Amino acid sequence: INKLLPVYEGIKKVKNETKDEALIGF
């Protein structure tokens, strides 16, 4: 998880700026 923390931080940043769009992880 520690090696991938920046990935999750990126998702959080995107989430903060999206409104009606779905946010797809994969």
mmCIF file of all heavy atoms, coordinates in Angstrom:
data_MODEL
# 
_entry.id   MODEL 
# 
loop_
_atom_site.group_PDB 
_atom_site.id 
_atom_site.type_symbol 
_atom_site.label_atom_id 
_atom_site.label_alt_id 
_atom_site.label_comp_id 
_atom_site.label_asym_id 
_atom_site.label_entity_id 
_atom_site.label_seq_id 
_atom_site.pdbx_PDB_ins_code 
_atom_site.Cartn_x 
_atom_site.Cartn_y 
_atom_site.Cartn_z 
_atom_site.occupancy 
_atom_site.B_iso_or_equiv 
_atom_site.pdbx_formal_charge 
_atom_site.auth_seq_id 
_atom_site.auth_comp_id 
_atom_site.auth_asym_id 
_atom_site.auth_atom_id 
_atom_site.pdbx_PDB_model_num 
ATOM 1   N N   . ILE A 1 1  ? 0.831   -1.209 0.000   1.00 0.00 ? 1  ILE A N   1 
ATOM 2   C CA  . ILE A 1 1  ? 0.000   0.000  0.000   1.00 0.00 ? 1  ILE A CA  1 
ATOM 3   C C   . ILE A 1 1  ? 0.866   1.259  0.000   1.00 0.00 ? 1  ILE A C   1 
ATOM 4   O O   . ILE A 1 1  ? 0.570   2.232  -0.703  1.00 0.00 ? 1  ILE A O   1 
ATOM 5   C CB  . ILE A 1 1  ? -0.964  0.003  1.201   1.00 0.00 ? 1  ILE A CB  1 
ATOM 6   C CG1 . ILE A 1 1  ? -2.002  -1.105 1.039   1.00 0.00 ? 1  ILE A CG1 1 
ATOM 7   C CG2 . ILE A 1 1  ? -1.656  1.357  1.342   1.00 0.00 ? 1  ILE A CG2 1 
ATOM 8   C CD1 . ILE A 1 1  ? -2.803  -1.050 -0.235  1.00 0.00 ? 1  ILE A CD1 1 
ATOM 9   N N   . ASN A 1 2  ? 1.940   1.249  0.761   1.00 0.00 ? 2  ASN A N   1 
ATOM 10  C CA  . ASN A 1 2  ? 2.809   2.433  0.841   1.00 0.00 ? 2  ASN A CA  1 
ATOM 11  C C   . ASN A 1 2  ? 3.395   2.792  -0.521  1.00 0.00 ? 2  ASN A C   1 
ATOM 12  O O   . ASN A 1 2  ? 3.551   3.978  -0.849  1.00 0.00 ? 2  ASN A O   1 
ATOM 13  C CB  . ASN A 1 2  ? 3.930   2.202  1.854   1.00 0.00 ? 2  ASN A CB  1 
ATOM 14  C CG  . ASN A 1 2  ? 3.446   2.334  3.292   1.00 0.00 ? 2  ASN A CG  1 
ATOM 15  O OD1 . ASN A 1 2  ? 2.418   2.966  3.544   1.00 0.00 ? 2  ASN A OD1 1 
ATOM 16  N ND2 . ASN A 1 2  ? 4.152   1.725  4.226   1.00 0.00 ? 2  ASN A ND2 1 
ATOM 17  N N   . LYS A 1 3  ? 3.719   1.778  -1.318  1.00 0.00 ? 3  LYS A N   1 
ATOM 18  C CA  . LYS A 1 3  ? 4.278   2.059  -2.638  1.00 0.00 ? 3  LYS A CA  1 
ATOM 19  C C   . LYS A 1 3  ? 3.236   2.677  -3.570  1.00 0.00 ? 3  LYS A C   1 
ATOM 20  O O   . LYS A 1 3  ? 3.582   3.372  -4.535  1.00 0.00 ? 3  LYS A O   1 
ATOM 21  C CB  . LYS A 1 3  ? 4.843   0.778  -3.268  1.00 0.00 ? 3  LYS A CB  1 
ATOM 22  C CG  . LYS A 1 3  ? 6.113   0.278  -2.579  1.00 0.00 ? 3  LYS A CG  1 
ATOM 23  C CD  . LYS A 1 3  ? 6.804   -0.813 -3.373  1.00 0.00 ? 3  LYS A CD  1 
ATOM 24  C CE  . LYS A 1 3  ? 7.623   -0.277 -4.525  1.00 0.00 ? 3  LYS A CE  1 
ATOM 25  N NZ  . LYS A 1 3  ? 8.500   -1.288 -5.148  1.00 0.00 ? 3  LYS A NZ  1 
ATOM 26  N N   . LEU A 1 4  ? 1.960   2.427  -3.282  1.00 0.00 ? 4  LEU A N   1 
ATOM 27  C CA  . LEU A 1 4  ? 0.883   2.920  -4.148  1.00 0.00 ? 4  LEU A CA  1 
ATOM 28  C C   . LEU A 1 4  ? 0.106   4.088  -3.554  1.00 0.00 ? 4  LEU A C   1 
ATOM 29  O O   . LEU A 1 4  ? -0.885  4.538  -4.142  1.00 0.00 ? 4  LEU A O   1 
ATOM 30  C CB  . LEU A 1 4  ? -0.090  1.768  -4.479  1.00 0.00 ? 4  LEU A CB  1 
ATOM 31  C CG  . LEU A 1 4  ? 0.514   0.620  -5.293  1.00 0.00 ? 4  LEU A CG  1 
ATOM 32  C CD1 . LEU A 1 4  ? -0.535  -0.451 -5.552  1.00 0.00 ? 4  LEU A CD1 1 
ATOM 33  C CD2 . LEU A 1 4  ? 1.098   1.118  -6.610  1.00 0.00 ? 4  LEU A CD2 1 
ATOM 34  N N   . LEU A 1 5  ? 0.561   4.608  -2.425  1.00 0.00 ? 5  LEU A N   1 
ATOM 35  C CA  . LEU A 1 5  ? -0.143  5.742  -1.803  1.00 0.00 ? 5  LEU A CA  1 
ATOM 36  C C   . LEU A 1 5  ? -0.340  6.924  -2.756  1.00 0.00 ? 5  LEU A C   1 
ATOM 37  O O   . LEU A 1 5  ? -1.396  7.561  -2.743  1.00 0.00 ? 5  LEU A O   1 
ATOM 38  C CB  . LEU A 1 5  ? 0.603   6.202  -0.538  1.00 0.00 ? 5  LEU A CB  1 
ATOM 39  C CG  . LEU A 1 5  ? 0.368   5.374  0.733   1.00 0.00 ? 5  LEU A CG  1 
ATOM 40  C CD1 . LEU A 1 5  ? 1.227   5.900  1.872   1.00 0.00 ? 5  LEU A CD1 1 
ATOM 41  C CD2 . LEU A 1 5  ? -1.108  5.376  1.127   1.00 0.00 ? 5  LEU A CD2 1 
ATOM 42  N N   . PRO A 1 6  ? 0.661   7.255  -3.605  1.00 0.00 ? 6  PRO A N   1 
ATOM 43  C CA  . PRO A 1 6  ? 0.441   8.371  -4.537  1.00 0.00 ? 6  PRO A CA  1 
ATOM 44  C C   . PRO A 1 6  ? -0.720  8.129  -5.510  1.00 0.00 ? 6  PRO A C   1 
ATOM 45  O O   . PRO A 1 6  ? -1.365  9.080  -5.944  1.00 0.00 ? 6  PRO A O   1 
ATOM 46  C CB  . PRO A 1 6  ? 1.781   8.464  -5.290  1.00 0.00 ? 6  PRO A CB  1 
ATOM 47  C CG  . PRO A 1 6  ? 2.783   7.857  -4.369  1.00 0.00 ? 6  PRO A CG  1 
ATOM 48  C CD  . PRO A 1 6  ? 2.052   6.753  -3.677  1.00 0.00 ? 6  PRO A CD  1 
ATOM 49  N N   . VAL A 1 7  ? -0.981  6.871  -5.841  1.00 0.00 ? 7  VAL A N   1 
ATOM 50  C CA  . VAL A 1 7  ? -2.118  6.547  -6.717  1.00 0.00 ? 7  VAL A CA  1 
ATOM 51  C C   . VAL A 1 7  ? -3.422  6.942  -6.027  1.00 0.00 ? 7  VAL A C   1 
ATOM 52  O O   . VAL A 1 7  ? -4.288  7.590  -6.623  1.00 0.00 ? 7  VAL A O   1 
ATOM 53  C CB  . VAL A 1 7  ? -2.141  5.042  -7.066  1.00 0.00 ? 7  VAL A CB  1 
ATOM 54  C CG1 . VAL A 1 7  ? -3.408  4.698  -7.861  1.00 0.00 ? 7  VAL A CG1 1 
ATOM 55  C CG2 . VAL A 1 7  ? -0.895  4.642  -7.843  1.00 0.00 ? 7  VAL A CG2 1 
ATOM 56  N N   . TYR A 1 8  ? -3.529  6.571  -4.755  1.00 0.00 ? 8  TYR A N   1 
ATOM 57  C CA  . TYR A 1 8  ? -4.755  6.870  -4.005  1.00 0.00 ? 8  TYR A CA  1 
ATOM 58  C C   . TYR A 1 8  ? -4.899  8.368  -3.751  1.00 0.00 ? 8  TYR A C   1 
ATOM 59  O O   . TYR A 1 8  ? -6.004  8.906  -3.760  1.00 0.00 ? 8  TYR A O   1 
ATOM 60  C CB  . TYR A 1 8  ? -4.780  6.079  -2.700  1.00 0.00 ? 8  TYR A CB  1 
ATOM 61  C CG  . TYR A 1 8  ? -4.427  4.618  -2.890  1.00 0.00 ? 8  TYR A CG  1 
ATOM 62  C CD1 . TYR A 1 8  ? -3.487  3.980  -2.071  1.00 0.00 ? 8  TYR A CD1 1 
ATOM 63  C CD2 . TYR A 1 8  ? -4.996  3.880  -3.930  1.00 0.00 ? 8  TYR A CD2 1 
ATOM 64  C CE1 . TYR A 1 8  ? -3.150  2.656  -2.273  1.00 0.00 ? 8  TYR A CE1 1 
ATOM 65  C CE2 . TYR A 1 8  ? -4.652  2.552  -4.132  1.00 0.00 ? 8  TYR A CE2 1 
ATOM 66  C CZ  . TYR A 1 8  ? -3.725  1.943  -3.309  1.00 0.00 ? 8  TYR A CZ  1 
ATOM 67  O OH  . TYR A 1 8  ? -3.376  0.625  -3.520  1.00 0.00 ? 8  TYR A OH  1 
ATOM 68  N N   . GLU A 1 9  ? -3.767  9.027  -3.562  1.00 0.00 ? 9  GLU A N   1 
ATOM 69  C CA  . GLU A 1 9  ? -3.796  10.481 -3.386  1.00 0.00 ? 9  GLU A CA  1 
ATOM 70  C C   . GLU A 1 9  ? -4.289  11.156 -4.669  1.00 0.00 ? 9  GLU A C   1 
ATOM 71  O O   . GLU A 1 9  ? -5.052  12.129 -4.632  1.00 0.00 ? 9  GLU A O   1 
ATOM 72  C CB  . GLU A 1 9  ? -2.400  10.995 -3.022  1.00 0.00 ? 9  GLU A CB  1 
ATOM 73  C CG  . GLU A 1 9  ? -2.323  12.473 -2.708  1.00 0.00 ? 9  GLU A CG  1 
ATOM 74  C CD  . GLU A 1 9  ? -3.193  12.894 -1.536  1.00 0.00 ? 9  GLU A CD  1 
ATOM 75  O OE1 . GLU A 1 9  ? -3.385  12.080 -0.597  1.00 0.00 ? 9  GLU A OE1 1 
ATOM 76  O OE2 . GLU A 1 9  ? -3.699  14.039 -1.557  1.00 0.00 ? 9  GLU A OE2 1 
ATOM 77  N N   . GLY A 1 10 ? -3.860  10.604 -5.815  1.00 0.00 ? 10 GLY A N   1 
ATOM 78  C CA  . GLY A 1 10 ? -4.326  11.123 -7.094  1.00 0.00 ? 10 GLY A CA  1 
ATOM 79  C C   . GLY A 1 10 ? -5.833  10.964 -7.253  1.00 0.00 ? 10 GLY A C   1 
ATOM 80  O O   . GLY A 1 10 ? -6.528  11.864 -7.741  1.00 0.00 ? 10 GLY A O   1 
ATOM 81  N N   . ILE A 1 11 ? -6.369  9.828  -6.830  1.00 0.00 ? 11 ILE A N   1 
ATOM 82  C CA  . ILE A 1 11 ? -7.820  9.589  -6.897  1.00 0.00 ? 11 ILE A CA  1 
ATOM 83  C C   . ILE A 1 11 ? -8.560  10.606 -6.023  1.00 0.00 ? 11 ILE A C   1 
ATOM 84  O O   . ILE A 1 11 ? -9.580  11.171 -6.443  1.00 0.00 ? 11 ILE A O   1 
ATOM 85  C CB  . ILE A 1 11 ? -8.164  8.147  -6.469  1.00 0.00 ? 11 ILE A CB  1 
ATOM 86  C CG1 . ILE A 1 11 ? -7.590  7.148  -7.476  1.00 0.00 ? 11 ILE A CG1 1 
ATOM 87  C CG2 . ILE A 1 11 ? -9.681  7.959  -6.339  1.00 0.00 ? 11 ILE A CG2 1 
ATOM 88  C CD1 . ILE A 1 11 ? -7.744  5.693  -7.087  1.00 0.00 ? 11 ILE A CD1 1 
ATOM 89  N N   . LYS A 1 12 ? -8.031  10.844 -4.830  1.00 0.00 ? 12 LYS A N   1 
ATOM 90  C CA  . LYS A 1 12 ? -8.667  11.826 -3.934  1.00 0.00 ? 12 LYS A CA  1 
ATOM 91  C C   . LYS A 1 12 ? -8.713  13.209 -4.586  1.00 0.00 ? 12 LYS A C   1 
ATOM 92  O O   . LYS A 1 12 ? -9.713  13.919 -4.501  1.00 0.00 ? 12 LYS A O   1 
ATOM 93  C CB  . LYS A 1 12 ? -7.906  11.901 -2.602  1.00 0.00 ? 12 LYS A CB  1 
ATOM 94  C CG  . LYS A 1 12 ? -8.073  10.691 -1.712  1.00 0.00 ? 12 LYS A CG  1 
ATOM 95  C CD  . LYS A 1 12 ? -7.226  10.823 -0.452  1.00 0.00 ? 12 LYS A CD  1 
ATOM 96  C CE  . LYS A 1 12 ? -7.292  9.573  0.396   1.00 0.00 ? 12 LYS A CE  1 
ATOM 97  N NZ  . LYS A 1 12 ? -6.385  9.658  1.574   1.00 0.00 ? 12 LYS A NZ  1 
ATOM 98  N N   . LYS A 1 13 ? -7.619  13.579 -5.225  1.00 0.00 ? 13 LYS A N   1 
ATOM 99  C CA  . LYS A 1 13 ? -7.558  14.899 -5.871  1.00 0.00 ? 13 LYS A CA  1 
ATOM 100 C C   . LYS A 1 13 ? -8.566  14.997 -7.010  1.00 0.00 ? 13 LYS A C   1 
ATOM 101 O O   . LYS A 1 13 ? -9.215  16.036 -7.202  1.00 0.00 ? 13 LYS A O   1 
ATOM 102 C CB  . LYS A 1 13 ? -6.135  15.174 -6.375  1.00 0.00 ? 13 LYS A CB  1 
ATOM 103 C CG  . LYS A 1 13 ? -5.121  15.471 -5.270  1.00 0.00 ? 13 LYS A CG  1 
ATOM 104 C CD  . LYS A 1 13 ? -3.732  15.674 -5.838  1.00 0.00 ? 13 LYS A CD  1 
ATOM 105 C CE  . LYS A 1 13 ? -2.720  16.021 -4.757  1.00 0.00 ? 13 LYS A CE  1 
ATOM 106 N NZ  . LYS A 1 13 ? -2.952  17.377 -4.196  1.00 0.00 ? 13 LYS A NZ  1 
ATOM 107 N N   . VAL A 1 14 ? -8.701  13.922 -7.775  1.00 0.00 ? 14 VAL A N   1 
ATOM 108 C CA  . VAL A 1 14 ? -9.679  13.912 -8.868  1.00 0.00 ? 14 VAL A CA  1 
ATOM 109 C C   . VAL A 1 14 ? -11.094 13.994 -8.298  1.00 0.00 ? 14 VAL A C   1 
ATOM 110 O O   . VAL A 1 14 ? -11.943 14.747 -8.797  1.00 0.00 ? 14 VAL A O   1 
ATOM 111 C CB  . VAL A 1 14 ? -9.521  12.646 -9.741  1.00 0.00 ? 14 VAL A CB  1 
ATOM 112 C CG1 . VAL A 1 14 ? -10.692 12.525 -10.722 1.00 0.00 ? 14 VAL A CG1 1 
ATOM 113 C CG2 . VAL A 1 14 ? -8.198  12.669 -10.494 1.00 0.00 ? 14 VAL A CG2 1 
ATOM 114 N N   . LYS A 1 15 ? -11.340 13.225 -7.250  1.00 0.00 ? 15 LYS A N   1 
ATOM 115 C CA  . LYS A 1 15 ? -12.673 13.197 -6.628  1.00 0.00 ? 15 LYS A CA  1 
ATOM 116 C C   . LYS A 1 15 ? -13.093 14.588 -6.173  1.00 0.00 ? 15 LYS A C   1 
ATOM 117 O O   . LYS A 1 15 ? -14.262 14.979 -6.300  1.00 0.00 ? 15 LYS A O   1 
ATOM 118 C CB  . LYS A 1 15 ? -12.677 12.225 -5.444  1.00 0.00 ? 15 LYS A CB  1 
ATOM 119 C CG  . LYS A 1 15 ? -14.058 11.977 -4.833  1.00 0.00 ? 15 LYS A CG  1 
ATOM 120 C CD  . LYS A 1 15 ? -14.930 11.202 -5.798  1.00 0.00 ? 15 LYS A CD  1 
ATOM 121 C CE  . LYS A 1 15 ? -16.239 10.809 -5.127  1.00 0.00 ? 15 LYS A CE  1 
ATOM 122 N NZ  . LYS A 1 15 ? -17.122 10.064 -6.066  1.00 0.00 ? 15 LYS A NZ  1 
ATOM 123 N N   . ASN A 1 16 ? -12.146 15.341 -5.665  1.00 0.00 ? 16 ASN A N   1 
ATOM 124 C CA  . ASN A 1 16 ? -12.443 16.691 -5.176  1.00 0.00 ? 16 ASN A CA  1 
ATOM 125 C C   . ASN A 1 16 ? -12.843 17.655 -6.294  1.00 0.00 ? 16 ASN A C   1 
ATOM 126 O O   . ASN A 1 16 ? -13.417 18.707 -6.018  1.00 0.00 ? 16 ASN A O   1 
ATOM 127 C CB  . ASN A 1 16 ? -11.230 17.264 -4.427  1.00 0.00 ? 16 ASN A CB  1 
ATOM 128 C CG  . ASN A 1 16 ? -11.023 16.594 -3.085  1.00 0.00 ? 16 ASN A CG  1 
ATOM 129 O OD1 . ASN A 1 16 ? -11.956 16.030 -2.502  1.00 0.00 ? 16 ASN A OD1 1 
ATOM 130 N ND2 . ASN A 1 16 ? -9.803  16.632 -2.568  1.00 0.00 ? 16 ASN A ND2 1 
ATOM 131 N N   . GLU A 1 17 ? -12.526 17.302 -7.531  1.00 0.00 ? 17 GLU A N   1 
ATOM 132 C CA  . GLU A 1 17 ? -12.789 18.219 -8.644  1.00 0.00 ? 17 GLU A CA  1 
ATOM 133 C C   . GLU A 1 17 ? -13.830 17.705 -9.631  1.00 0.00 ? 17 GLU A C   1 
ATOM 134 O O   . GLU A 1 17 ? -14.071 18.324 -10.657 1.00 0.00 ? 17 GLU A O   1 
ATOM 135 C CB  . GLU A 1 17 ? -11.480 18.531 -9.376  1.00 0.00 ? 17 GLU A CB  1 
ATOM 136 C CG  . GLU A 1 17 ? -10.482 19.245 -8.483  1.00 0.00 ? 17 GLU A CG  1 
ATOM 137 C CD  . GLU A 1 17 ? -9.500  20.097 -9.263  1.00 0.00 ? 17 GLU A CD  1 
ATOM 138 O OE1 . GLU A 1 17 ? -9.772  20.427 -10.427 1.00 0.00 ? 17 GLU A OE1 1 
ATOM 139 O OE2 . GLU A 1 17 ? -8.446  20.429 -8.686  1.00 0.00 ? 17 GLU A OE2 1 
ATOM 140 N N   . THR A 1 18 ? -14.412 16.530 -9.338  1.00 0.00 ? 18 THR A N   1 
ATOM 141 C CA  . THR A 1 18 ? -15.456 16.022 -10.226 1.00 0.00 ? 18 THR A CA  1 
ATOM 142 C C   . THR A 1 18 ? -16.814 16.201 -9.567  1.00 0.00 ? 18 THR A C   1 
ATOM 143 O O   . THR A 1 18 ? -16.927 16.227 -8.338  1.00 0.00 ? 18 THR A O   1 
ATOM 144 C CB  . THR A 1 18 ? -15.244 14.534 -10.563 1.00 0.00 ? 18 THR A CB  1 
ATOM 145 O OG1 . THR A 1 18 ? -15.074 13.797 -9.353  1.00 0.00 ? 18 THR A OG1 1 
ATOM 146 C CG2 . THR A 1 18 ? -14.032 14.347 -11.433 1.00 0.00 ? 18 THR A CG2 1 
ATOM 147 N N   . LYS A 1 19 ? -17.836 16.321 -10.389 1.00 0.00 ? 19 LYS A N   1 
ATOM 148 C CA  . LYS A 1 19 ? -19.187 16.562 -9.881  1.00 0.00 ? 19 LYS A CA  1 
ATOM 149 C C   . LYS A 1 19 ? -20.086 15.367 -10.180 1.00 0.00 ? 19 LYS A C   1 
ATOM 150 O O   . LYS A 1 19 ? -20.278 14.489 -9.357  1.00 0.00 ? 19 LYS A O   1 
ATOM 151 C CB  . LYS A 1 19 ? -19.742 17.847 -10.490 1.00 0.00 ? 19 LYS A CB  1 
ATOM 152 C CG  . LYS A 1 19 ? -18.929 19.086 -10.094 1.00 0.00 ? 19 LYS A CG  1 
ATOM 153 C CD  . LYS A 1 19 ? -19.442 20.331 -10.804 1.00 0.00 ? 19 LYS A CD  1 
ATOM 154 C CE  . LYS A 1 19 ? -18.589 21.547 -10.431 1.00 0.00 ? 19 LYS A CE  1 
ATOM 155 N NZ  . LYS A 1 19 ? -19.005 22.765 -11.163 1.00 0.00 ? 19 LYS A NZ  1 
ATOM 156 N N   . ASP A 1 20 ? -20.640 15.343 -11.382 1.00 0.00 ? 20 ASP A N   1 
ATOM 157 C CA  . ASP A 1 20 ? -21.605 14.301 -11.727 1.00 0.00 ? 20 ASP A CA  1 
ATOM 158 C C   . ASP A 1 20 ? -20.973 13.069 -12.362 1.00 0.00 ? 20 ASP A C   1 
ATOM 159 O O   . ASP A 1 20 ? -21.622 12.033 -12.482 1.00 0.00 ? 20 ASP A O   1 
ATOM 160 C CB  . ASP A 1 20 ? -22.652 14.871 -12.689 1.00 0.00 ? 20 ASP A CB  1 
ATOM 161 C CG  . ASP A 1 20 ? -23.432 16.020 -12.051 1.00 0.00 ? 20 ASP A CG  1 
ATOM 162 O OD1 . ASP A 1 20 ? -23.657 15.969 -10.827 1.00 0.00 ? 20 ASP A OD1 1 
ATOM 163 O OD2 . ASP A 1 20 ? -23.793 16.961 -12.783 1.00 0.00 ? 20 ASP A OD2 1 
ATOM 164 N N   . GLU A 1 21 ? -19.712 13.184 -12.798 1.00 0.00 ? 21 GLU A N   1 
ATOM 165 C CA  . GLU A 1 21 ? -19.088 12.056 -13.481 1.00 0.00 ? 21 GLU A CA  1 
ATOM 166 C C   . GLU A 1 21 ? -18.793 10.915 -12.508 1.00 0.00 ? 21 GLU A C   1 
ATOM 167 O O   . GLU A 1 21 ? -18.437 11.145 -11.354 1.00 0.00 ? 21 GLU A O   1 
ATOM 168 C CB  . GLU A 1 21 ? -17.769 12.476 -14.143 1.00 0.00 ? 21 GLU A CB  1 
ATOM 169 C CG  . GLU A 1 21 ? -17.872 13.645 -15.109 1.00 0.00 ? 21 GLU A CG  1 
ATOM 170 C CD  . GLU A 1 21 ? -17.704 14.986 -14.423 1.00 0.00 ? 21 GLU A CD  1 
ATOM 171 O OE1 . GLU A 1 21 ? -17.403 15.005 -13.213 1.00 0.00 ? 21 GLU A OE1 1 
ATOM 172 O OE2 . GLU A 1 21 ? -17.885 16.011 -15.111 1.00 0.00 ? 21 GLU A OE2 1 
ATOM 173 N N   . ALA A 1 22 ? -18.923 9.698  -13.018 1.00 0.00 ? 22 ALA A N   1 
ATOM 174 C CA  . ALA A 1 22 ? -18.455 8.543  -12.247 1.00 0.00 ? 22 ALA A CA  1 
ATOM 175 C C   . ALA A 1 22 ? -16.930 8.578  -12.226 1.00 0.00 ? 22 ALA A C   1 
ATOM 176 O O   . ALA A 1 22 ? -16.292 9.075  -13.156 1.00 0.00 ? 22 ALA A O   1 
ATOM 177 C CB  . ALA A 1 22 ? -18.942 7.259  -12.890 1.00 0.00 ? 22 ALA A CB  1 
ATOM 178 N N   . LEU A 1 23 ? -16.335 8.061  -11.166 1.00 0.00 ? 23 LEU A N   1 
ATOM 179 C CA  . LEU A 1 23 ? -14.877 7.975  -11.067 1.00 0.00 ? 23 LEU A CA  1 
ATOM 180 C C   . LEU A 1 23 ? -14.505 6.492  -11.056 1.00 0.00 ? 23 LEU A C   1 
ATOM 181 O O   . LEU A 1 23 ? -14.788 5.768  -10.110 1.00 0.00 ? 23 LEU A O   1 
ATOM 182 C CB  . LEU A 1 23 ? -14.370 8.680  -9.804  1.00 0.00 ? 23 LEU A CB  1 
ATOM 183 C CG  . LEU A 1 23 ? -12.878 8.589  -9.491  1.00 0.00 ? 23 LEU A CG  1 
ATOM 184 C CD1 . LEU A 1 23 ? -12.026 8.900  -10.721 1.00 0.00 ? 23 LEU A CD1 1 
ATOM 185 C CD2 . LEU A 1 23 ? -12.516 9.513  -8.342  1.00 0.00 ? 23 LEU A CD2 1 
ATOM 186 N N   . ILE A 1 24 ? -13.896 6.061  -12.149 1.00 0.00 ? 24 ILE A N   1 
ATOM 187 C CA  . ILE A 1 24 ? -13.591 4.643  -12.331 1.00 0.00 ? 24 ILE A CA  1 
ATOM 188 C C   . ILE A 1 24 ? -12.161 4.354  -11.883 1.00 0.00 ? 24 ILE A C   1 
ATOM 189 O O   . ILE A 1 24 ? -11.208 4.948  -12.382 1.00 0.00 ? 24 ILE A O   1 
ATOM 190 C CB  . ILE A 1 24 ? -13.781 4.227  -13.802 1.00 0.00 ? 24 ILE A CB  1 
ATOM 191 C CG1 . ILE A 1 24 ? -15.222 4.512  -14.257 1.00 0.00 ? 24 ILE A CG1 1 
ATOM 192 C CG2 . ILE A 1 24 ? -13.443 2.749  -14.005 1.00 0.00 ? 24 ILE A CG2 1 
ATOM 193 C CD1 . ILE A 1 24 ? -15.450 4.310  -15.748 1.00 0.00 ? 24 ILE A CD1 1 
ATOM 194 N N   . GLY A 1 25 ? -12.041 3.432  -10.948 1.00 0.00 ? 25 GLY A N   1 
ATOM 195 C CA  . GLY A 1 25 ? -10.746 2.852  -10.610 1.00 0.00 ? 25 GLY A CA  1 
ATOM 196 C C   . GLY A 1 25 ? -10.615 1.538  -11.362 1.00 0.00 ? 25 GLY A C   1 
ATOM 197 O O   . GLY A 1 25 ? -11.603 0.999  -11.856 1.00 0.00 ? 25 GLY A O   1 
ATOM 198 N N   . PHE A 1 26 ? -9.412  0.998  -11.456 1.00 0.00 ? 26 PHE A N   1 
ATOM 199 C CA  . PHE A 1 26 ? -9.293  -0.252 -12.224 1.00 0.00 ? 26 PHE A CA  1 
ATOM 200 C C   . PHE A 1 26 ? -8.112  -1.094 -11.758 1.00 0.00 ? 26 PHE A C   1 
ATOM 201 O O   . PHE A 1 26 ? -7.203  -0.617 -11.065 1.00 0.00 ? 26 PHE A O   1 
ATOM 202 C CB  . PHE A 1 26 ? -9.182  0.042  -13.722 1.00 0.00 ? 26 PHE A CB  1 
ATOM 203 C CG  . PHE A 1 26 ? -7.904  0.743  -14.140 1.00 0.00 ? 26 PHE A CG  1 
ATOM 204 C CD1 . PHE A 1 26 ? -6.783  0.025  -14.515 1.00 0.00 ? 26 PHE A CD1 1 
ATOM 205 C CD2 . PHE A 1 26 ? -7.838  2.130  -14.174 1.00 0.00 ? 26 PHE A CD2 1 
ATOM 206 C CE1 . PHE A 1 26 ? -5.616  0.664  -14.911 1.00 0.00 ? 26 PHE A CE1 1 
ATOM 207 C CE2 . PHE A 1 26 ? -6.685  2.785  -14.572 1.00 0.00 ? 26 PHE A CE2 1 
ATOM 208 C CZ  . PHE A 1 26 ? -5.572  2.050  -14.942 1.00 0.00 ? 26 PHE A CZ  1 
# 
